Amino acid sequence: MSNQPGSSTAAEPDQPAKAAPAAEPETGAEPEAAAEPEAAEPVPAGAGPSPVRAPGAVVLAPLAVAWLAAMLWSTREAITSAQAGLTAISLSAFALPGVISAALVAGAAVALAVTNLLARRGVDRATPRFAVAVGTGLLVGLATAVAINLTYFDNATTNVIAGTAAAAAIIGGAVAGAGNARVAGATVTATLGALVFVVAFSGARDPLFDLFGAGDTQESLFGAAKWVSRTESLLAGLLAGLLAFAYLSWGRRQAERHDPAAPAPRWPGYLLAGAGPGLLLLVAEVIIRVGGRSLLDLAAALSEADAVAQTSLGTSRIDNAIWVLFVGALTALIAFGRTLGPAAGHDAEDEAVAEADR
């Protein structure tokens, strides 16, 4: 009912203002949906971070196996060409360290090649990788033991060499599967290079003996032998450190080519890779003294001179491993440090100082 002029009506309570109707979308235009977070696109298989692999393992493995075969062949030739009995025992004891170190490197190299196959299939969990690496080292060790038993001269030392070499290959496989694949690959590469260098260095020992003053006296011979051994260890450590650095640098470039977001190894990786050859040589010495104890005792019991020789050789191997460890680690770390540029903060400070000087 409409209010007439002059009429009195009760005041009605204020009604809340109705909200203005929402603007109608234009004809043909769909209403704009509320902003929703975009759904993540499914990542195709293999597009995520690629598992860490040891680059070049497919080449490193046959090289390490070839080196093991060369050590086995040279040891067999030395034993079979010697007279039966005492001489064969002595030569077996002298050849044992070379066979053990070669089996250790071969087991690790072949294990790296096999675990690379797992990584290509996306399997990079620690437990299966370690299990496969140990199993591969076991196969390499069994093949080495069978080859020794089938080809070596049948004497009391054959089983000792075969069993100790098999144990070394298994431990090598465990070393390859226990840590970072790139660092393990660098360690195996550097160790193989150091072993080859030590054998090649034997041709330079006689000239170095003369250079370091070896004469007719026992004292001069001992002093020259000490300096020759230190020179050999120093050069082997330098080579091991440079090989470890070169391998990791090359592996970083290979990884960045396939995956630009791949993490680059930091300085602890270079330090460990440079020290790795010395550590492996120390592990080999432990295997020699535990697994080959009976053979070393037989050789030392032949004569007083043989006992002194075995003691001296054991001490020399430990000294060599320690030199290679520290020199290799220092060399790899220094080489890595030279690749680092100045920090960004230092660049800004230098620019500010130069601007103030103007």
Protein backbone atom coordinates (compact mmCIF):
# COMPACT_ATOMS: atom_id res chain seq x y z
CA MET A 1 0.00 0.00 0.00
CA SER A 2 1.45 3.28 -1.06
CA ASN A 3 1.90 6.12 1.46
CA GLN A 4 -0.43 9.05 0.85
CA PRO A 5 0.71 12.62 1.47
CA GLY A 6 0.04 13.73 5.05
CA SER A 7 -0.47 10.19 6.37
CA SER A 8 1.60 8.95 9.28
CA THR A 9 3.05 5.50 8.98
CA ALA A 10 5.29 3.55 11.34
CA ALA A 11 8.95 3.75 10.50
CA GLU A 12 9.99 0.51 8.93
CA PRO A 13 13.34 -0.97 9.81
CA ASP A 14 16.08 -0.37 7.33
CA GLN A 15 16.37 -3.26 4.94
CA PRO A 16 19.89 -4.38 4.07
CA ALA A 17 20.88 -3.32 0.64
CA LYS A 18 20.81 -6.17 -1.77
CA ALA A 19 24.13 -6.95 -3.40
CA ALA A 20 24.36 -5.96 -6.97
CA PRO A 21 23.94 -8.93 -9.23
CA ALA A 22 27.14 -10.27 -10.67
CA ALA A 23 27.84 -9.11 -14.14
CA GLU A 24 26.57 -11.59 -16.60
CA PRO A 25 29.18 -12.92 -18.98
CA GLU A 26 28.87 -11.84 -22.49
CA THR A 27 27.00 -14.09 -24.82
CA GLY A 28 29.23 -16.91 -25.94
CA ALA A 29 31.86 -16.26 -23.25
CA GLU A 30 32.32 -18.92 -20.59
CA PRO A 31 32.69 -17.86 -16.98
CA GLU A 32 36.28 -17.52 -15.89
CA ALA A 33 37.25 -20.37 -13.64
CA ALA A 34 39.00 -19.80 -10.36
CA ALA A 35 42.76 -19.95 -10.55
CA GLU A 36 43.88 -23.44 -9.72
CA PRO A 37 47.43 -24.71 -9.44
CA GLU A 38 48.57 -26.22 -12.65
CA ALA A 39 48.73 -29.97 -12.52
CA ALA A 40 52.29 -31.26 -12.80
CA GLU A 41 52.86 -33.01 -16.03
CA PRO A 42 53.87 -36.64 -15.66
CA VAL A 43 57.62 -37.02 -15.91
CA PRO A 44 58.52 -39.59 -18.51
CA ALA A 45 60.68 -42.48 -17.49
CA GLY A 46 64.33 -41.55 -17.52
CA ALA A 47 63.67 -37.77 -17.53
CA GLY A 48 64.48 -37.36 -13.82
CA PRO A 49 67.94 -37.09 -12.33
CA SER A 50 70.04 -39.78 -13.92
CA PRO A 51 71.74 -42.22 -11.55
CA VAL A 52 75.42 -41.60 -10.95
CA ARG A 53 77.57 -43.84 -13.12
CA ALA A 54 81.30 -44.40 -13.55
CA PRO A 55 82.09 -43.00 -17.02
CA GLY A 56 84.34 -45.12 -19.20
CA ALA A 57 83.90 -48.26 -17.08
CA VAL A 58 83.25 -50.30 -20.21
CA VAL A 59 86.82 -49.50 -21.30
CA LEU A 60 88.36 -49.59 -17.83
CA ALA A 61 87.10 -53.13 -17.11
CA PRO A 62 88.88 -54.89 -20.02
CA LEU A 63 92.06 -52.92 -19.34
CA ALA A 64 92.07 -54.06 -15.71
CA VAL A 65 91.33 -57.66 -16.71
CA ALA A 66 94.15 -57.52 -19.27
CA TRP A 67 96.52 -56.26 -16.57
CA LEU A 68 95.45 -59.11 -14.27
CA ALA A 69 96.04 -61.62 -17.08
CA ALA A 70 99.51 -60.14 -17.70
CA MET A 71 100.39 -60.46 -14.01
CA LEU A 72 99.15 -64.05 -13.89
CA TRP A 73 101.08 -64.95 -17.03
CA SER A 74 104.35 -63.36 -15.85
CA THR A 75 104.05 -65.06 -12.46
CA ARG A 76 103.37 -68.42 -14.10
CA GLU A 77 106.37 -68.03 -16.40
CA ALA A 78 108.65 -67.18 -13.49
CA ILE A 79 107.47 -70.12 -11.39
CA THR A 80 107.49 -72.75 -14.13
CA SER A 81 110.90 -71.67 -15.44
CA ALA A 82 112.43 -72.00 -11.98
CA GLN A 83 113.74 -75.16 -10.50
CA ALA A 84 111.23 -77.13 -8.45
CA GLY A 85 111.17 -76.71 -4.71
CA LEU A 86 112.69 -73.81 -2.84
CA THR A 87 113.18 -71.47 -5.81
CA ALA A 88 109.54 -71.78 -6.87
CA ILE A 89 108.38 -70.92 -3.35
CA SER A 90 110.61 -67.85 -3.21
CA LEU A 91 109.48 -66.60 -6.64
CA SER A 92 105.83 -67.17 -5.73
CA ALA A 93 106.23 -65.02 -2.62
CA PHE A 94 107.89 -62.25 -4.65
CA ALA A 95 105.13 -62.35 -7.31
CA LEU A 96 102.18 -62.53 -4.89
CA PRO A 97 101.81 -58.71 -4.32
CA GLY A 98 101.52 -58.02 -8.05
CA VAL A 99 98.81 -60.65 -8.52
CA ILE A 100 96.83 -59.46 -5.49
CA SER A 101 96.84 -55.78 -6.45
CA ALA A 102 95.86 -56.66 -10.05
CA ALA A 103 92.98 -58.88 -8.84
CA LEU A 104 91.77 -56.13 -6.50
CA VAL A 105 91.66 -53.58 -9.35
CA ALA A 106 90.09 -56.03 -11.82
CA GLY A 107 87.29 -56.96 -9.42
CA ALA A 108 86.50 -53.29 -8.81
CA ALA A 109 86.63 -52.33 -12.52
CA VAL A 110 84.36 -55.14 -13.70
CA ALA A 111 81.93 -54.40 -10.84
CA LEU A 112 81.73 -50.76 -11.96
CA ALA A 113 80.92 -51.83 -15.51
CA VAL A 114 78.12 -54.12 -14.33
CA THR A 115 76.61 -51.58 -11.92
CA ASN A 116 76.61 -49.07 -14.79
CA LEU A 117 74.20 -51.40 -16.57
CA LEU A 118 71.93 -51.27 -13.54
CA ALA A 119 72.13 -47.48 -13.48
CA ARG A 120 71.08 -47.29 -17.12
CA ARG A 121 67.94 -49.18 -16.14
CA GLY A 122 67.26 -46.70 -13.35
CA VAL A 123 68.35 -49.02 -10.52
CA ASP A 124 70.67 -47.03 -8.30
CA ARG A 125 69.64 -47.99 -4.77
CA ALA A 126 72.55 -48.70 -2.48
CA THR A 127 71.63 -52.23 -1.44
CA PRO A 128 71.10 -53.84 -4.88
CA ARG A 129 74.09 -51.97 -6.26
CA PHE A 130 76.35 -53.24 -3.49
CA ALA A 131 75.02 -56.80 -3.79
CA VAL A 132 75.57 -56.88 -7.56
CA ALA A 133 79.07 -55.41 -7.18
CA VAL A 134 80.08 -58.03 -4.61
CA GLY A 135 78.60 -60.80 -6.77
CA THR A 136 80.56 -59.53 -9.77
CA GLY A 137 83.76 -59.48 -7.73
CA LEU A 138 83.02 -63.05 -6.66
CA LEU A 139 82.71 -64.16 -10.29
CA VAL A 140 85.98 -62.43 -11.20
CA GLY A 141 87.66 -64.05 -8.20
CA LEU A 142 86.39 -67.53 -9.10
CA ALA A 143 87.55 -67.11 -12.71
CA THR A 144 90.98 -66.00 -11.49
CA ALA A 145 91.29 -68.92 -9.07
CA VAL A 146 90.29 -71.44 -11.75
CA ALA A 147 92.79 -69.95 -14.21
CA ILE A 148 95.58 -70.19 -11.61
CA ASN A 149 94.78 -73.79 -10.70
CA LEU A 150 94.58 -74.86 -14.34
CA THR A 151 97.72 -73.14 -15.61
CA TYR A 152 100.17 -72.86 -12.72
CA PHE A 153 102.81 -75.38 -11.85
CA ASP A 154 101.37 -77.83 -9.33
CA ASN A 155 103.10 -76.99 -6.05
CA ALA A 156 102.22 -76.04 -2.51
CA THR A 157 101.87 -72.33 -3.38
CA THR A 158 99.23 -72.58 -6.12
CA ASN A 159 96.20 -72.81 -3.83
CA VAL A 160 97.47 -69.95 -1.68
CA ILE A 161 97.85 -67.64 -4.69
CA ALA A 162 94.47 -68.71 -6.11
CA GLY A 163 92.55 -68.24 -2.86
CA THR A 164 94.17 -64.91 -2.00
CA ALA A 165 93.58 -63.54 -5.51
CA ALA A 166 89.91 -64.58 -5.35
CA ALA A 167 89.51 -62.80 -2.00
CA ALA A 168 91.13 -59.67 -3.44
CA ALA A 169 88.71 -59.61 -6.39
CA ILE A 170 85.71 -59.92 -4.06
CA ILE A 171 86.96 -57.07 -1.88
CA GLY A 172 87.53 -55.01 -5.02
CA GLY A 173 83.91 -55.54 -6.03
CA ALA A 174 82.78 -54.47 -2.56
CA VAL A 175 84.87 -51.29 -2.78
CA ALA A 176 83.29 -50.43 -6.15
CA GLY A 177 79.76 -50.90 -4.84
CA ALA A 178 80.16 -49.18 -1.49
CA GLY A 179 80.65 -45.55 -2.52
CA ASN A 180 80.12 -42.96 -5.23
CA ALA A 181 80.54 -44.55 -8.66
CA ARG A 182 82.52 -41.65 -10.13
CA VAL A 183 84.95 -41.51 -7.21
CA ALA A 184 85.35 -45.30 -7.37
CA GLY A 185 86.01 -45.11 -11.12
CA ALA A 186 88.63 -42.40 -10.57
CA THR A 187 90.27 -44.48 -7.83
CA VAL A 188 90.42 -47.61 -9.99
CA THR A 189 91.78 -45.66 -12.98
CA ALA A 190 94.46 -43.98 -10.89
CA THR A 191 95.44 -47.24 -9.18
CA LEU A 192 95.77 -49.07 -12.49
CA GLY A 193 97.91 -46.24 -13.84
CA ALA A 194 100.14 -46.35 -10.75
CA LEU A 195 100.59 -50.13 -11.00
CA VAL A 196 101.56 -49.92 -14.67
CA PHE A 197 103.98 -47.10 -13.86
CA VAL A 198 105.70 -49.10 -11.11
CA VAL A 199 106.35 -51.99 -13.49
CA ALA A 200 107.57 -49.64 -16.23
CA PHE A 201 109.78 -47.83 -13.71
CA SER A 202 111.81 -50.99 -13.11
CA GLY A 203 113.83 -50.21 -16.23
CA ALA A 204 115.02 -46.95 -14.68
CA ARG A 205 116.10 -48.39 -11.33
CA ASP A 206 119.66 -49.31 -12.33
CA PRO A 207 120.52 -45.83 -13.72
CA LEU A 208 118.98 -44.25 -10.62
CA PHE A 209 121.05 -46.48 -8.35
CA ASP A 210 124.17 -45.08 -9.98
CA LEU A 211 122.76 -41.56 -9.80
CA PHE A 212 122.12 -41.85 -6.07
CA GLY A 213 125.66 -43.06 -5.36
CA ALA A 214 125.36 -46.84 -5.10
CA GLY A 215 128.82 -48.29 -4.64
CA ASP A 216 130.50 -51.39 -3.32
CA THR A 217 129.60 -50.85 0.33
CA GLN A 218 126.43 -52.10 1.96
CA GLU A 219 125.67 -48.65 3.33
CA SER A 220 125.80 -46.98 -0.09
CA LEU A 221 123.57 -49.65 -1.61
CA PHE A 222 121.04 -49.25 1.19
CA GLY A 223 120.99 -45.45 0.86
CA ALA A 224 120.60 -45.59 -2.93
CA ALA A 225 117.81 -48.15 -2.66
CA LYS A 226 115.96 -45.90 -0.20
CA TRP A 227 116.14 -42.89 -2.54
CA VAL A 228 115.14 -44.95 -5.57
CA SER A 229 112.11 -46.26 -3.69
CA ARG A 230 111.10 -42.76 -2.60
CA THR A 231 111.47 -41.42 -6.13
CA GLU A 232 109.29 -44.21 -7.46
CA SER A 233 106.62 -43.61 -4.80
CA LEU A 234 106.65 -39.85 -5.35
CA LEU A 235 106.21 -40.17 -9.11
CA ALA A 236 103.54 -42.85 -8.71
CA GLY A 237 101.62 -40.60 -6.30
CA LEU A 238 101.84 -37.63 -8.68
CA LEU A 239 100.58 -39.76 -11.55
CA ALA A 240 97.76 -41.21 -9.43
CA GLY A 241 96.60 -37.76 -8.33
CA LEU A 242 96.65 -36.36 -11.85
CA LEU A 243 94.77 -39.38 -13.23
CA ALA A 244 92.12 -39.12 -10.51
CA PHE A 245 91.64 -35.40 -11.20
CA ALA A 246 91.49 -35.92 -14.98
CA TYR A 247 88.96 -38.74 -14.64
CA LEU A 248 86.62 -36.76 -12.38
CA SER A 249 86.88 -33.66 -14.57
CA TRP A 250 86.13 -35.66 -17.69
CA GLY A 251 83.27 -37.44 -15.95
CA ARG A 252 81.79 -34.10 -14.86
CA ARG A 253 81.81 -32.84 -18.45
CA GLN A 254 80.22 -36.07 -19.67
CA ALA A 255 77.48 -35.85 -17.03
CA GLU A 256 76.73 -32.18 -17.81
CA ARG A 257 76.42 -33.01 -21.49
CA HIS A 258 73.61 -35.48 -20.78
CA ASP A 259 72.10 -33.74 -17.75
CA PRO A 260 72.99 -30.05 -17.21
CA ALA A 261 71.54 -30.24 -13.68
CA ALA A 262 73.82 -33.13 -12.67
CA PRO A 263 75.70 -32.36 -9.44
CA ALA A 264 79.40 -31.75 -9.91
CA PRO A 265 81.83 -33.52 -7.55
CA ARG A 266 83.16 -31.25 -4.83
CA TRP A 267 86.60 -31.13 -3.27
CA PRO A 268 86.09 -34.10 -0.88
CA GLY A 269 85.48 -36.30 -3.93
CA TYR A 270 88.75 -35.19 -5.52
CA LEU A 271 90.58 -35.67 -2.23
CA LEU A 272 89.24 -39.20 -1.77
CA ALA A 273 89.90 -40.15 -5.41
CA GLY A 274 93.50 -38.93 -5.16
CA ALA A 275 94.06 -40.83 -1.92
CA GLY A 276 92.19 -43.90 -3.22
CA PRO A 277 95.16 -45.64 -4.92
CA GLY A 278 97.19 -45.49 -1.72
CA LEU A 279 94.25 -46.81 0.26
CA LEU A 280 93.78 -49.70 -2.20
CA LEU A 281 97.49 -50.53 -1.95
CA LEU A 282 97.17 -50.66 1.84
CA VAL A 283 94.12 -52.93 1.49
CA ALA A 284 96.13 -55.16 -0.85
CA GLU A 285 98.91 -55.34 1.74
CA VAL A 286 96.42 -56.48 4.39
CA ILE A 287 95.13 -59.18 2.01
CA ILE A 288 98.71 -60.30 1.30
CA ARG A 289 99.63 -60.56 4.97
CA VAL A 290 96.42 -62.34 5.96
CA GLY A 291 95.65 -64.59 2.98
CA GLY A 292 99.24 -65.16 1.89
CA ARG A 293 100.74 -65.58 5.35
CA SER A 294 101.60 -69.24 4.86
CA LEU A 295 103.42 -68.53 1.59
CA LEU A 296 105.35 -65.60 3.06
CA ASP A 297 106.35 -67.72 6.07
CA LEU A 298 107.56 -70.52 3.77
CA ALA A 299 109.67 -68.08 1.78
CA ALA A 300 111.09 -66.43 4.90
CA ALA A 301 112.04 -69.83 6.35
CA LEU A 302 114.24 -70.73 3.38
CA SER A 303 117.23 -68.77 4.59
CA GLU A 304 118.22 -65.74 6.62
CA ALA A 305 118.62 -63.71 3.44
CA ASP A 306 115.10 -64.60 2.32
CA ALA A 307 113.70 -63.60 5.71
CA VAL A 308 115.43 -60.22 5.51
CA ALA A 309 114.22 -59.76 1.93
CA GLN A 310 110.59 -60.51 2.80
CA THR A 311 110.67 -58.12 5.75
CA SER A 312 112.30 -55.40 3.67
CA LEU A 313 109.83 -55.83 0.80
CA GLY A 314 106.84 -55.70 3.14
CA THR A 315 108.09 -52.47 4.74
CA SER A 316 108.80 -51.00 1.31
CA ARG A 317 105.27 -51.78 0.09
CA ILE A 318 103.71 -50.07 3.10
CA ASP A 319 105.93 -47.00 2.68
CA ASN A 320 105.06 -46.87 -1.01
CA ALA A 321 101.32 -47.05 -0.29
CA ILE A 322 101.54 -44.23 2.28
CA TRP A 323 103.52 -42.02 -0.12
CA VAL A 324 101.04 -42.66 -2.93
CA LEU A 325 98.13 -41.93 -0.59
CA PHE A 326 99.34 -38.52 0.60
CA VAL A 327 101.00 -37.35 -2.62
CA GLY A 328 98.02 -38.47 -4.72
CA ALA A 329 95.50 -36.75 -2.43
CA LEU A 330 97.51 -33.52 -2.37
CA THR A 331 98.03 -33.53 -6.13
CA ALA A 332 94.35 -34.07 -6.92
CA LEU A 333 93.29 -31.39 -4.44
CA ILE A 334 95.75 -28.81 -5.80
CA ALA A 335 94.70 -29.57 -9.38
CA PHE A 336 91.06 -29.11 -8.41
CA GLY A 337 91.82 -25.86 -6.60
CA ARG A 338 93.45 -24.39 -9.69
CA THR A 339 90.17 -24.80 -11.58
CA LEU A 340 88.24 -22.64 -9.11
CA GLY A 341 87.68 -18.98 -9.97
CA PRO A 342 87.54 -16.11 -7.46
CA ALA A 343 84.43 -15.85 -5.33
CA ALA A 344 81.66 -13.50 -6.42
CA GLY A 345 82.03 -11.40 -3.25
CA HIS A 346 85.69 -10.79 -3.98
CA ASP A 347 84.83 -9.66 -7.51
CA ALA A 348 82.33 -7.10 -6.15
CA GLU A 349 84.86 -5.83 -3.62
CA ASP A 350 87.55 -5.47 -6.27
CA GLU A 351 85.17 -3.52 -8.52
CA ALA A 352 84.19 -1.22 -5.64
CA VAL A 353 87.82 -0.51 -4.79
CA ALA A 354 88.63 0.18 -8.44
CA GLU A 355 85.63 2.56 -8.68
CA ALA A 356 86.74 4.39 -5.53
CA ASP A 357 90.27 4.79 -6.90
CA ARG A 358 88.86 6.55 -9.94
